Amino acid sequence: MSTRDKASGKTPPPRSGVSRRSFLKSAGAAGLAASQLGLPALEAEQTRPDEAVTLGPDPVPVRFQVNGQLYAARCEPRVTLADALRDQLGLNGTKVICDRGACGGCTVLLDNEPVVSCMLLAVAAQGKHIQTVEGLAQGDQLDPLQDAFIAHDALQCGYCTPGMLMSCKALLARNPSPSRADIKTAISGNICRCGTYPHVFAAVLAASGQDDEG
């Protein structure tokens, strides 16, 4: 059968294989698929404001896991973890010095990571494992790091010591044999106005079984 156009006598261009019917059918299916894929996101966007939970300003119930124990308290959502530990839970070992995250005195461990607790809202610490300086000793048995601090006189006024201990504890947990440079980096956010840094270096090296070579 000839492919030449009977009226013009010319050969028509090859057909693309896409008819008007098949084009409309595929376009409709694509539009339907797109709308279905976008629906959950749209619904989430529309429902998000209604699902948002507003806390406060009155105290709200909170639960903490601190040093392996569960605590329940009520505190305003604006309260920092440092204040909640001290005022709500009675764990006064954590010190609030600058209250602006600059000195590291309030350092605690949150899921084994050091954080300045004066810069973290207490409600945000729920569901995390919190360790404070009170959690280092086991009964009357001091942590080896605490023993090393005492043996090497790594404290003077002692106000920065809880935060310093917690930063060093986190360091030893992730690096059992830290160098002096590692220790300097680990406590770079902890300010000691008494200048006991060389003693802190010696204490951490001793706690990790290393000699202090100065």
Foldseek 3Di string as FASTA:
>chain_A
DDQADPPPRHRDDDDPPADPVNVVVVVVVVVVVVCVVCVVVVVCVVCVVVPDDDFDQFWDWAWAAELNDIDIFTDGQVAWLLCCCCPVVVNPCQDDDPLPQQAQSRWKAWLLHTDRRSPHGNRVSGPTYIYWLVNQADVPRHHLLVVLCVVLVLDDPCSSVRRLSSLLVSLCVVPLQDDLVSSCVSCVRHDDPVPSSVSSSQSSNVSSVHHDPD
